[in-house]
N, C-alpha and C. Protein backbone atom coordinates (compact mmCIF):
# COMPACT_ATOMS: atom_id res chain seq x y z
N MET A 1 10.96 37.23 -10.75
CA MET A 1 11.19 38.67 -10.68
C MET A 1 11.36 39.28 -12.07
N PHE A 2 12.08 38.56 -12.92
CA PHE A 2 12.26 39.07 -14.29
C PHE A 2 10.92 39.20 -15.00
N GLU A 3 10.10 38.15 -14.91
CA GLU A 3 8.80 38.17 -15.60
C GLU A 3 7.88 39.27 -15.07
N GLU A 4 8.02 39.56 -13.78
CA GLU A 4 7.13 40.56 -13.17
C GLU A 4 7.59 41.99 -13.42
N ARG A 5 8.92 42.22 -13.34
CA ARG A 5 9.42 43.60 -13.33
C ARG A 5 10.01 44.07 -14.65
N PHE A 6 10.65 43.16 -15.38
CA PHE A 6 11.39 43.59 -16.56
C PHE A 6 10.69 43.21 -17.87
N ALA A 7 10.20 41.98 -17.96
CA ALA A 7 9.60 41.52 -19.21
C ALA A 7 8.47 42.43 -19.71
N PRO A 8 7.56 42.91 -18.83
CA PRO A 8 6.47 43.76 -19.33
C PRO A 8 6.94 45.04 -20.01
N LEU A 9 8.14 45.52 -19.67
CA LEU A 9 8.64 46.74 -20.30
C LEU A 9 8.74 46.58 -21.81
N PHE A 10 9.12 45.40 -22.26
CA PHE A 10 9.36 45.19 -23.68
C PHE A 10 8.06 44.98 -24.46
N ASP A 11 6.93 44.93 -23.77
CA ASP A 11 5.63 44.84 -24.44
C ASP A 11 5.00 46.22 -24.64
N ARG A 12 5.61 47.25 -24.07
CA ARG A 12 5.05 48.59 -24.20
C ARG A 12 5.31 49.13 -25.61
N ARG A 13 4.29 49.77 -26.15
CA ARG A 13 4.39 50.28 -27.52
C ARG A 13 5.54 51.27 -27.67
N LEU A 14 5.72 52.15 -26.69
CA LEU A 14 6.79 53.14 -26.78
C LEU A 14 8.16 52.48 -26.78
N VAL A 15 8.34 51.47 -25.94
CA VAL A 15 9.63 50.77 -25.88
C VAL A 15 9.89 50.03 -27.19
N ARG A 16 8.86 49.40 -27.73
CA ARG A 16 9.03 48.69 -29.01
C ARG A 16 9.42 49.66 -30.11
N TRP A 17 8.80 50.85 -30.10
CA TRP A 17 9.12 51.83 -31.13
C TRP A 17 10.54 52.38 -30.93
N LEU A 18 10.88 52.75 -29.70
CA LEU A 18 12.21 53.31 -29.44
C LEU A 18 13.32 52.33 -29.82
N THR A 19 13.16 51.08 -29.43
CA THR A 19 14.21 50.11 -29.70
C THR A 19 14.28 49.72 -31.18
N SER A 20 13.29 50.11 -31.96
CA SER A 20 13.35 49.85 -33.40
C SER A 20 14.14 50.93 -34.12
N GLN A 21 14.52 52.00 -33.41
CA GLN A 21 15.30 53.09 -33.99
C GLN A 21 16.77 52.87 -33.68
N PRO A 22 17.63 52.72 -34.69
CA PRO A 22 19.05 52.47 -34.44
C PRO A 22 19.70 53.49 -33.52
N ALA A 23 19.31 54.76 -33.63
CA ALA A 23 19.94 55.79 -32.81
C ALA A 23 19.67 55.59 -31.33
N SER A 24 18.57 54.93 -30.99
CA SER A 24 18.22 54.76 -29.57
C SER A 24 19.16 53.79 -28.87
N LEU A 25 19.92 53.00 -29.62
CA LEU A 25 20.79 52.00 -29.01
C LEU A 25 22.25 52.44 -28.97
N PHE A 26 22.51 53.69 -29.36
CA PHE A 26 23.89 54.20 -29.26
C PHE A 26 24.41 54.08 -27.84
N GLY A 27 23.53 54.36 -26.86
CA GLY A 27 23.94 54.33 -25.46
C GLY A 27 24.34 52.95 -24.98
N LEU A 28 23.89 51.92 -25.69
CA LEU A 28 24.28 50.55 -25.35
C LEU A 28 25.52 50.12 -26.10
N GLY A 29 26.10 51.05 -26.87
CA GLY A 29 27.31 50.71 -27.62
C GLY A 29 27.01 49.93 -28.89
N ILE A 30 25.80 50.07 -29.43
CA ILE A 30 25.41 49.34 -30.64
C ILE A 30 25.31 50.34 -31.79
N PRO A 31 26.32 50.43 -32.66
CA PRO A 31 26.27 51.34 -33.80
C PRO A 31 25.34 50.81 -34.88
N PRO A 32 24.98 51.65 -35.84
CA PRO A 32 24.05 51.20 -36.89
C PRO A 32 24.51 49.94 -37.62
N ALA A 33 25.82 49.79 -37.82
CA ALA A 33 26.32 48.63 -38.54
C ALA A 33 26.03 47.33 -37.81
N GLN A 34 25.86 47.40 -36.49
CA GLN A 34 25.56 46.20 -35.72
C GLN A 34 24.06 45.98 -35.52
N PHE A 35 23.29 47.02 -35.73
CA PHE A 35 21.87 46.96 -35.38
C PHE A 35 21.17 45.81 -36.10
N ASP A 36 21.32 45.74 -37.43
CA ASP A 36 20.63 44.70 -38.20
C ASP A 36 21.13 43.31 -37.83
N ALA A 37 22.45 43.19 -37.59
CA ALA A 37 23.01 41.88 -37.22
C ALA A 37 22.46 41.42 -35.88
N LEU A 38 22.29 42.36 -34.97
CA LEU A 38 21.79 42.01 -33.64
C LEU A 38 20.33 41.60 -33.71
N ALA A 39 19.54 42.32 -34.47
CA ALA A 39 18.10 42.03 -34.54
C ALA A 39 17.80 40.78 -35.36
N GLY A 40 18.52 40.59 -36.46
CA GLY A 40 18.21 39.45 -37.33
C GLY A 40 16.80 39.58 -37.87
N ASP A 41 16.02 38.53 -37.76
CA ASP A 41 14.64 38.53 -38.26
C ASP A 41 13.62 38.88 -37.19
N GLU A 42 14.09 39.25 -36.00
CA GLU A 42 13.18 39.55 -34.90
C GLU A 42 13.11 41.05 -34.63
N ARG A 43 12.08 41.45 -33.91
CA ARG A 43 12.02 42.83 -33.45
C ARG A 43 13.12 43.05 -32.41
N MET A 44 13.71 44.24 -32.43
CA MET A 44 14.80 44.51 -31.51
C MET A 44 14.36 44.38 -30.06
N ALA A 45 13.13 44.76 -29.74
CA ALA A 45 12.64 44.65 -28.37
C ALA A 45 12.67 43.20 -27.90
N ALA A 46 12.32 42.27 -28.79
CA ALA A 46 12.33 40.85 -28.43
C ALA A 46 13.75 40.36 -28.19
N VAL A 47 14.69 40.82 -29.02
CA VAL A 47 16.09 40.41 -28.86
C VAL A 47 16.64 40.92 -27.54
N LEU A 48 16.38 42.20 -27.24
CA LEU A 48 16.89 42.77 -25.99
C LEU A 48 16.27 42.07 -24.78
N ARG A 49 15.00 41.72 -24.89
CA ARG A 49 14.36 40.98 -23.79
C ARG A 49 15.05 39.65 -23.57
N GLN A 50 15.36 38.94 -24.64
CA GLN A 50 16.04 37.64 -24.52
C GLN A 50 17.42 37.79 -23.87
N ARG A 51 18.17 38.81 -24.30
CA ARG A 51 19.52 39.00 -23.75
C ARG A 51 19.45 39.39 -22.27
N LEU A 52 18.49 40.24 -21.93
CA LEU A 52 18.35 40.65 -20.53
C LEU A 52 17.91 39.48 -19.66
N GLU A 53 17.02 38.64 -20.20
CA GLU A 53 16.58 37.47 -19.44
C GLU A 53 17.75 36.53 -19.18
N LYS A 54 18.60 36.33 -20.16
CA LYS A 54 19.79 35.49 -19.96
C LYS A 54 20.68 36.07 -18.87
N LEU A 55 20.90 37.38 -18.92
CA LEU A 55 21.75 38.03 -17.92
C LEU A 55 21.17 37.89 -16.52
N ALA A 56 19.85 38.02 -16.42
CA ALA A 56 19.21 38.00 -15.10
C ALA A 56 18.99 36.60 -14.56
N CYS A 57 18.78 35.63 -15.45
CA CYS A 57 18.28 34.33 -14.99
C CYS A 57 19.23 33.15 -15.21
N ASP A 58 20.17 33.26 -16.15
CA ASP A 58 20.97 32.09 -16.49
C ASP A 58 22.21 31.92 -15.61
N PHE A 59 22.57 32.95 -14.87
CA PHE A 59 23.77 32.90 -14.03
C PHE A 59 23.43 33.47 -12.65
N ALA A 60 24.16 33.00 -11.66
CA ALA A 60 23.96 33.51 -10.30
C ALA A 60 24.36 34.99 -10.25
N VAL A 61 23.44 35.86 -9.89
CA VAL A 61 23.70 37.29 -9.88
C VAL A 61 24.80 37.65 -8.88
N ASN A 62 24.86 36.91 -7.76
CA ASN A 62 25.86 37.25 -6.75
C ASN A 62 27.27 36.87 -7.17
N ASP A 63 27.42 36.27 -8.37
CA ASP A 63 28.75 35.90 -8.86
C ASP A 63 29.00 36.44 -10.26
N ASN A 64 28.18 37.39 -10.70
CA ASN A 64 28.28 37.89 -12.07
C ASN A 64 28.43 39.40 -12.06
N TYR A 65 29.66 39.87 -12.22
CA TYR A 65 29.88 41.32 -12.17
C TYR A 65 29.27 42.04 -13.38
N PHE A 66 29.01 41.32 -14.50
CA PHE A 66 28.32 41.93 -15.62
C PHE A 66 26.89 42.32 -15.21
N ALA A 67 26.22 41.47 -14.45
CA ALA A 67 24.86 41.76 -14.00
C ALA A 67 24.85 42.96 -13.06
N TRP A 68 25.85 43.05 -12.18
CA TRP A 68 25.93 44.20 -11.28
C TRP A 68 26.04 45.50 -12.08
N GLN A 69 26.87 45.49 -13.12
CA GLN A 69 27.00 46.70 -13.94
C GLN A 69 25.69 47.03 -14.64
N ALA A 70 25.02 46.01 -15.17
CA ALA A 70 23.81 46.25 -15.94
C ALA A 70 22.66 46.76 -15.08
N PHE A 71 22.50 46.18 -13.90
CA PHE A 71 21.33 46.50 -13.09
C PHE A 71 21.56 47.61 -12.07
N SER A 72 22.81 47.81 -11.65
CA SER A 72 23.06 48.86 -10.65
C SER A 72 24.09 49.90 -11.10
N ARG A 73 24.64 49.71 -12.31
CA ARG A 73 25.62 50.64 -12.88
C ARG A 73 26.84 50.79 -11.99
N GLY A 74 27.21 49.73 -11.33
CA GLY A 74 28.39 49.72 -10.47
C GLY A 74 28.55 48.36 -9.83
N TYR A 75 29.53 48.23 -8.96
CA TYR A 75 29.79 46.96 -8.30
C TYR A 75 29.45 47.06 -6.82
N ASP A 76 29.08 45.93 -6.25
CA ASP A 76 28.83 45.86 -4.82
C ASP A 76 30.14 46.15 -4.07
N ARG A 77 30.04 46.73 -2.88
CA ARG A 77 31.24 47.09 -2.13
C ARG A 77 31.53 46.14 -0.97
N SER A 78 30.76 45.07 -0.86
CA SER A 78 31.02 44.11 0.21
C SER A 78 32.33 43.35 -0.07
N PRO A 79 32.97 42.79 0.97
CA PRO A 79 34.27 42.13 0.78
C PRO A 79 34.25 40.99 -0.22
N ASP A 80 33.15 40.29 -0.33
CA ASP A 80 33.09 39.14 -1.24
C ASP A 80 32.32 39.47 -2.52
N ALA A 81 32.25 40.77 -2.87
CA ALA A 81 31.51 41.18 -4.06
C ALA A 81 32.18 40.65 -5.32
N PRO A 82 31.39 40.27 -6.35
CA PRO A 82 31.98 39.85 -7.62
C PRO A 82 32.57 41.04 -8.36
N LEU A 83 33.82 40.93 -8.75
CA LEU A 83 34.52 41.99 -9.46
C LEU A 83 35.30 41.39 -10.62
N PRO A 84 35.57 42.19 -11.66
CA PRO A 84 36.50 41.72 -12.69
C PRO A 84 37.85 41.41 -12.05
N PRO A 85 38.59 40.45 -12.56
CA PRO A 85 39.86 40.06 -11.93
C PRO A 85 40.83 41.22 -11.75
N TRP A 86 40.82 42.19 -12.67
CA TRP A 86 41.77 43.30 -12.58
C TRP A 86 41.39 44.30 -11.50
N LEU A 87 40.20 44.16 -10.92
CA LEU A 87 39.81 45.04 -9.81
C LEU A 87 39.83 44.33 -8.46
N GLU A 88 40.12 43.04 -8.45
CA GLU A 88 40.16 42.32 -7.19
C GLU A 88 41.41 42.70 -6.40
N GLN A 89 41.21 42.95 -5.11
CA GLN A 89 42.33 43.37 -4.28
C GLN A 89 43.46 42.34 -4.26
N ALA A 90 43.09 41.06 -4.33
CA ALA A 90 44.11 40.01 -4.28
C ALA A 90 45.05 40.07 -5.47
N ASN A 91 44.63 40.71 -6.57
CA ASN A 91 45.46 40.78 -7.77
C ASN A 91 46.20 42.11 -7.91
N TYR A 92 46.00 43.01 -6.97
CA TYR A 92 46.53 44.37 -7.12
C TYR A 92 48.06 44.39 -7.20
N GLU A 93 48.72 43.69 -6.31
CA GLU A 93 50.19 43.71 -6.31
C GLU A 93 50.76 43.08 -7.58
N ASP A 94 50.13 42.01 -8.05
CA ASP A 94 50.59 41.41 -9.30
C ASP A 94 50.48 42.41 -10.45
N LEU A 95 49.38 43.14 -10.50
CA LEU A 95 49.21 44.14 -11.55
C LEU A 95 50.28 45.23 -11.45
N ARG A 96 50.56 45.68 -10.25
CA ARG A 96 51.57 46.72 -10.07
C ARG A 96 52.94 46.25 -10.56
N ARG A 97 53.29 45.03 -10.22
CA ARG A 97 54.61 44.52 -10.60
C ARG A 97 54.75 44.33 -12.11
N ARG A 98 53.64 44.09 -12.78
CA ARG A 98 53.71 43.74 -14.20
C ARG A 98 53.25 44.87 -15.12
N ILE A 99 53.00 46.04 -14.56
CA ILE A 99 52.44 47.12 -15.37
C ILE A 99 53.37 47.52 -16.51
N ASP A 100 54.69 47.33 -16.31
CA ASP A 100 55.63 47.72 -17.36
C ASP A 100 55.61 46.76 -18.55
N ARG A 101 54.87 45.67 -18.46
CA ARG A 101 54.74 44.76 -19.59
C ARG A 101 53.71 45.25 -20.61
N LEU A 102 52.92 46.22 -20.22
CA LEU A 102 51.88 46.73 -21.11
C LEU A 102 52.45 47.77 -22.06
N SER A 103 51.95 47.77 -23.27
CA SER A 103 52.25 48.84 -24.22
C SER A 103 50.95 49.24 -24.89
N ILE A 104 50.82 50.51 -25.19
CA ILE A 104 49.59 51.05 -25.77
C ILE A 104 49.90 51.59 -27.15
N ARG A 105 49.11 51.15 -28.13
CA ARG A 105 49.26 51.61 -29.50
C ARG A 105 47.95 52.23 -29.96
N HIS A 106 48.01 53.45 -30.48
CA HIS A 106 46.83 54.08 -31.06
C HIS A 106 46.86 53.81 -32.57
N ALA A 107 46.34 52.68 -32.95
CA ALA A 107 46.32 52.27 -34.35
C ALA A 107 45.29 51.18 -34.52
N SER A 108 44.89 50.93 -35.75
CA SER A 108 44.00 49.80 -35.99
C SER A 108 44.80 48.51 -35.78
N MET A 109 44.10 47.43 -35.52
CA MET A 109 44.78 46.14 -35.34
C MET A 109 45.54 45.76 -36.61
N THR A 110 44.96 46.04 -37.76
CA THR A 110 45.63 45.70 -39.02
C THR A 110 46.94 46.47 -39.15
N GLU A 111 46.93 47.76 -38.84
CA GLU A 111 48.15 48.56 -38.90
C GLU A 111 49.19 48.05 -37.91
N HIS A 112 48.75 47.72 -36.73
CA HIS A 112 49.66 47.22 -35.70
C HIS A 112 50.32 45.91 -36.14
N LEU A 113 49.52 44.99 -36.66
CA LEU A 113 50.06 43.69 -37.06
C LEU A 113 51.01 43.81 -38.25
N ALA A 114 50.80 44.81 -39.09
CA ALA A 114 51.68 44.99 -40.25
C ALA A 114 53.12 45.25 -39.83
N ASP A 115 53.33 45.72 -38.60
CA ASP A 115 54.68 45.99 -38.09
C ASP A 115 55.30 44.79 -37.39
N GLU A 116 54.54 43.69 -37.23
CA GLU A 116 55.02 42.53 -36.51
C GLU A 116 55.63 41.50 -37.48
N ALA A 117 56.53 40.68 -36.94
CA ALA A 117 57.22 39.69 -37.77
C ALA A 117 56.32 38.50 -38.08
N ASP A 118 56.68 37.75 -39.11
CA ASP A 118 55.95 36.53 -39.45
C ASP A 118 55.99 35.55 -38.28
N ALA A 119 54.88 34.85 -38.06
CA ALA A 119 54.79 33.79 -37.05
C ALA A 119 55.35 34.22 -35.69
N SER A 120 54.95 35.40 -35.24
CA SER A 120 55.51 35.95 -34.01
C SER A 120 54.51 36.08 -32.87
N LEU A 121 53.21 35.85 -33.13
CA LEU A 121 52.18 36.09 -32.12
C LEU A 121 51.31 34.84 -31.96
N ASP A 122 50.70 34.71 -30.77
CA ASP A 122 49.86 33.53 -30.56
C ASP A 122 48.50 33.81 -29.95
N ARG A 123 48.16 35.06 -29.63
CA ARG A 123 46.84 35.38 -29.09
C ARG A 123 46.33 36.68 -29.70
N TYR A 124 45.08 36.65 -30.16
CA TYR A 124 44.44 37.83 -30.75
C TYR A 124 43.03 37.94 -30.17
N ILE A 125 42.70 39.08 -29.60
CA ILE A 125 41.35 39.32 -29.08
C ILE A 125 40.78 40.53 -29.83
N LEU A 126 39.72 40.32 -30.58
CA LEU A 126 39.21 41.35 -31.49
C LEU A 126 37.93 42.00 -31.00
N LEU A 127 37.39 41.57 -29.87
CA LEU A 127 36.10 42.07 -29.39
C LEU A 127 35.07 41.94 -30.52
N ASP A 128 34.31 43.01 -30.82
CA ASP A 128 33.28 42.89 -31.84
C ASP A 128 33.53 43.82 -33.02
N ALA A 129 34.76 44.26 -33.19
CA ALA A 129 35.07 45.25 -34.23
C ALA A 129 34.75 44.77 -35.64
N GLN A 130 34.80 43.45 -35.87
CA GLN A 130 34.57 42.95 -37.22
C GLN A 130 33.13 43.15 -37.67
N ASP A 131 32.22 43.40 -36.74
CA ASP A 131 30.81 43.59 -37.09
C ASP A 131 30.62 44.80 -38.00
N TRP A 132 31.47 45.80 -37.91
CA TRP A 132 31.28 46.97 -38.77
C TRP A 132 32.42 47.16 -39.77
N MET A 133 33.19 46.09 -40.02
CA MET A 133 34.20 46.14 -41.08
C MET A 133 33.58 45.74 -42.41
N ASP A 134 34.03 46.40 -43.49
CA ASP A 134 33.62 45.94 -44.81
C ASP A 134 34.52 44.79 -45.25
N ASP A 135 34.23 44.20 -46.41
CA ASP A 135 34.95 43.00 -46.84
C ASP A 135 36.44 43.26 -46.99
N ALA A 136 36.80 44.41 -47.55
CA ALA A 136 38.22 44.72 -47.76
C ALA A 136 38.96 44.84 -46.43
N GLN A 137 38.34 45.48 -45.45
CA GLN A 137 38.97 45.63 -44.14
C GLN A 137 39.10 44.28 -43.45
N LEU A 138 38.07 43.46 -43.58
CA LEU A 138 38.09 42.14 -42.96
C LEU A 138 39.19 41.27 -43.57
N MET A 139 39.32 41.31 -44.89
CA MET A 139 40.34 40.51 -45.55
C MET A 139 41.74 40.99 -45.17
N ALA A 140 41.94 42.31 -45.12
CA ALA A 140 43.25 42.84 -44.76
C ALA A 140 43.63 42.44 -43.34
N LEU A 141 42.66 42.47 -42.43
CA LEU A 141 42.93 42.08 -41.05
C LEU A 141 43.35 40.62 -40.98
N TRP A 142 42.62 39.74 -41.63
CA TRP A 142 42.92 38.31 -41.53
C TRP A 142 44.17 37.91 -42.30
N LEU A 143 44.53 38.67 -43.31
CA LEU A 143 45.83 38.45 -43.97
C LEU A 143 46.96 38.69 -42.96
N GLN A 144 46.85 39.76 -42.20
CA GLN A 144 47.90 40.08 -41.23
C GLN A 144 47.87 39.12 -40.04
N ILE A 145 46.69 38.74 -39.59
CA ILE A 145 46.60 37.77 -38.50
C ILE A 145 47.26 36.46 -38.91
N THR A 146 46.91 35.98 -40.09
CA THR A 146 47.44 34.69 -40.55
C THR A 146 48.94 34.76 -40.77
N ARG A 147 49.44 35.87 -41.27
CA ARG A 147 50.87 36.02 -41.49
C ARG A 147 51.65 36.02 -40.19
N THR A 148 51.12 36.69 -39.16
CA THR A 148 51.86 36.86 -37.91
C THR A 148 51.60 35.74 -36.90
N ALA A 149 50.67 34.84 -37.20
CA ALA A 149 50.29 33.82 -36.22
C ALA A 149 51.26 32.65 -36.21
N ARG A 150 51.59 32.19 -35.00
CA ARG A 150 52.34 30.95 -34.84
C ARG A 150 51.39 29.77 -34.94
N PRO A 151 51.89 28.58 -35.25
CA PRO A 151 51.02 27.39 -35.21
C PRO A 151 50.38 27.24 -33.83
N GLY A 152 49.07 27.00 -33.83
CA GLY A 152 48.35 26.90 -32.57
C GLY A 152 47.83 28.22 -32.04
N ALA A 153 48.12 29.31 -32.74
CA ALA A 153 47.64 30.63 -32.31
C ALA A 153 46.11 30.64 -32.26
N ARG A 154 45.56 31.48 -31.39
CA ARG A 154 44.11 31.56 -31.21
C ARG A 154 43.61 32.98 -31.46
N VAL A 155 42.45 33.06 -32.08
CA VAL A 155 41.77 34.33 -32.30
C VAL A 155 40.39 34.24 -31.66
N LEU A 156 40.11 35.14 -30.73
CA LEU A 156 38.83 35.15 -30.02
C LEU A 156 38.10 36.45 -30.32
N PHE A 157 36.81 36.35 -30.69
CA PHE A 157 36.03 37.57 -30.91
C PHE A 157 34.56 37.30 -30.71
N ARG A 158 33.81 38.39 -30.49
CA ARG A 158 32.37 38.32 -30.33
C ARG A 158 31.68 38.94 -31.54
N THR A 159 30.42 38.59 -31.74
CA THR A 159 29.61 39.18 -32.79
C THR A 159 28.20 39.42 -32.28
N ALA A 160 27.54 40.41 -32.84
CA ALA A 160 26.15 40.67 -32.47
C ALA A 160 25.25 39.53 -32.94
N ALA A 161 25.50 39.04 -34.16
CA ALA A 161 24.73 37.91 -34.68
C ALA A 161 25.31 36.60 -34.15
N GLU A 162 24.58 35.53 -34.33
CA GLU A 162 25.03 34.23 -33.83
C GLU A 162 26.15 33.63 -34.66
N GLU A 163 26.12 33.85 -35.97
CA GLU A 163 27.06 33.18 -36.86
C GLU A 163 28.35 33.97 -37.02
N THR A 164 29.43 33.26 -37.31
CA THR A 164 30.69 33.92 -37.61
C THR A 164 30.57 34.69 -38.92
N PRO A 165 31.14 35.88 -39.02
CA PRO A 165 30.98 36.68 -40.24
C PRO A 165 32.02 36.37 -41.31
N LEU A 166 32.92 35.42 -41.08
CA LEU A 166 34.06 35.25 -41.98
C LEU A 166 33.76 34.48 -43.27
N PRO A 167 33.05 33.35 -43.24
CA PRO A 167 32.81 32.61 -44.49
C PRO A 167 32.13 33.48 -45.55
N GLY A 168 32.69 33.42 -46.77
CA GLY A 168 32.14 34.21 -47.86
C GLY A 168 32.67 35.62 -47.93
N ARG A 169 33.37 36.07 -46.89
CA ARG A 169 33.91 37.42 -46.88
C ARG A 169 35.44 37.42 -46.78
N VAL A 170 35.99 36.41 -46.13
CA VAL A 170 37.44 36.21 -46.09
C VAL A 170 37.77 35.07 -47.03
N PRO A 171 38.80 35.20 -47.88
CA PRO A 171 39.11 34.14 -48.85
C PRO A 171 39.23 32.77 -48.20
N GLN A 172 38.68 31.77 -48.88
CA GLN A 172 38.69 30.42 -48.33
C GLN A 172 40.11 29.90 -48.11
N ALA A 173 41.05 30.35 -48.92
CA ALA A 173 42.45 29.93 -48.75
C ALA A 173 42.99 30.34 -47.39
N ILE A 174 42.52 31.46 -46.86
CA ILE A 174 42.92 31.88 -45.52
C ILE A 174 42.18 31.07 -44.47
N LEU A 175 40.87 30.94 -44.63
CA LEU A 175 40.08 30.22 -43.63
C LEU A 175 40.51 28.76 -43.53
N ASP A 176 40.99 28.18 -44.62
CA ASP A 176 41.42 26.78 -44.59
C ASP A 176 42.61 26.56 -43.68
N ARG A 177 43.30 27.61 -43.33
CA ARG A 177 44.45 27.48 -42.44
C ARG A 177 44.05 27.52 -40.97
N TRP A 178 42.76 27.75 -40.72
CA TRP A 178 42.27 27.87 -39.36
C TRP A 178 41.22 26.79 -39.08
N SER A 179 41.18 26.33 -37.86
CA SER A 179 40.12 25.40 -37.45
C SER A 179 39.09 26.17 -36.63
N TYR A 180 37.82 25.83 -36.87
CA TYR A 180 36.71 26.51 -36.20
C TYR A 180 35.60 25.51 -35.97
N SER A 181 35.01 25.52 -34.79
CA SER A 181 33.92 24.63 -34.46
C SER A 181 32.68 25.44 -34.12
N ALA A 182 31.64 25.29 -34.94
CA ALA A 182 30.38 25.99 -34.65
C ALA A 182 29.77 25.49 -33.35
N GLU A 183 29.94 24.21 -33.06
CA GLU A 183 29.42 23.67 -31.80
C GLU A 183 30.14 24.29 -30.60
N GLU A 184 31.46 24.43 -30.70
CA GLU A 184 32.20 25.08 -29.62
C GLU A 184 31.76 26.53 -29.46
N ALA A 185 31.52 27.21 -30.59
CA ALA A 185 31.08 28.60 -30.53
C ALA A 185 29.75 28.72 -29.79
N ARG A 186 28.83 27.81 -30.04
CA ARG A 186 27.54 27.85 -29.33
C ARG A 186 27.72 27.61 -27.83
N GLU A 187 28.64 26.73 -27.47
CA GLU A 187 28.90 26.48 -26.06
C GLU A 187 29.55 27.69 -25.39
N LEU A 188 30.47 28.33 -26.09
CA LEU A 188 31.14 29.50 -25.53
C LEU A 188 30.15 30.63 -25.27
N VAL A 189 29.25 30.89 -26.22
CA VAL A 189 28.31 31.99 -26.01
C VAL A 189 27.29 31.63 -24.94
N ARG A 190 26.98 30.34 -24.81
CA ARG A 190 26.07 29.92 -23.74
C ARG A 190 26.68 30.24 -22.38
N ARG A 191 28.00 30.15 -22.25
CA ARG A 191 28.68 30.40 -20.99
C ARG A 191 29.09 31.86 -20.80
N ASP A 192 28.80 32.70 -21.78
CA ASP A 192 29.22 34.10 -21.73
C ASP A 192 28.31 34.87 -20.78
N ARG A 193 28.84 35.25 -19.62
CA ARG A 193 28.02 35.87 -18.58
C ARG A 193 27.64 37.31 -18.91
N SER A 194 28.29 37.94 -19.88
CA SER A 194 27.89 39.31 -20.23
C SER A 194 26.54 39.32 -20.93
N SER A 195 26.22 38.24 -21.64
CA SER A 195 24.88 38.03 -22.24
C SER A 195 24.49 39.09 -23.26
N ILE A 196 25.46 39.82 -23.78
CA ILE A 196 25.14 40.90 -24.72
C ILE A 196 25.15 40.41 -26.15
N TYR A 197 26.12 39.55 -26.46
CA TYR A 197 26.38 39.20 -27.85
C TYR A 197 25.69 37.91 -28.25
N GLY A 198 25.47 37.77 -29.57
CA GLY A 198 24.84 36.57 -30.08
C GLY A 198 25.82 35.47 -30.36
N GLY A 199 27.10 35.83 -30.64
CA GLY A 199 28.10 34.84 -30.98
C GLY A 199 29.42 35.09 -30.28
N LEU A 200 30.11 34.02 -29.92
CA LEU A 200 31.47 34.08 -29.35
C LEU A 200 32.27 33.02 -30.08
N HIS A 201 33.32 33.44 -30.78
CA HIS A 201 33.98 32.57 -31.75
C HIS A 201 35.47 32.43 -31.43
N LEU A 202 35.98 31.21 -31.63
CA LEU A 202 37.38 30.91 -31.38
C LEU A 202 37.95 30.18 -32.59
N TYR A 203 38.98 30.78 -33.20
CA TYR A 203 39.69 30.16 -34.31
C TYR A 203 41.09 29.78 -33.85
N ARG A 204 41.58 28.62 -34.32
CA ARG A 204 42.91 28.13 -33.99
C ARG A 204 43.69 27.88 -35.28
N LEU A 205 44.92 28.37 -35.36
CA LEU A 205 45.74 28.14 -36.53
C LEU A 205 46.19 26.68 -36.56
N LYS A 206 45.97 26.04 -37.69
CA LYS A 206 46.35 24.63 -37.82
C LYS A 206 47.88 24.48 -37.84
N PRO A 207 48.42 23.34 -37.41
CA PRO A 207 49.85 23.11 -37.48
C PRO A 207 50.36 23.20 -38.93
């Protein structure tokens, strides 16, 4: 079905031209700073085709709520429909009871961490924000992460490109305090059902 209905779209001249324009991908949440990292040495149309093929073919669609969002812009309403855990009815009461544990801060992660104590945190989820940080911003963020992290703390983030952006941009003295496995990163992104990003990276603070 993918080869018949979706793949031919990416061979059309208009689609190839549109997807080569950074502004055309704003609707997909891809800012200009991520555009080059996402494309790499390939045409953007080819990259998008690969990501869509993974989403459509590498995972069971009836168990992948990311695919439902991508192809139907919503979720199935049947009782056994795949949903994010926070939307599953079975988890509703737990969410209600624990809602007071949430706090919302309108600040950058670096600013937020600057207010936290040394060795006080153990989980950091950065999404893909580092893709559009410059070197100074990246270094400031990892200084605060490393200062506030407990031994064994984990940092999880995605990137448009396959490789981690930290080596050569964050001081080696900081990176030496963290363990990172490129092989594990490849396995994590292989299992990533959203199929949007090129890299999924996990760093662990060494004892």
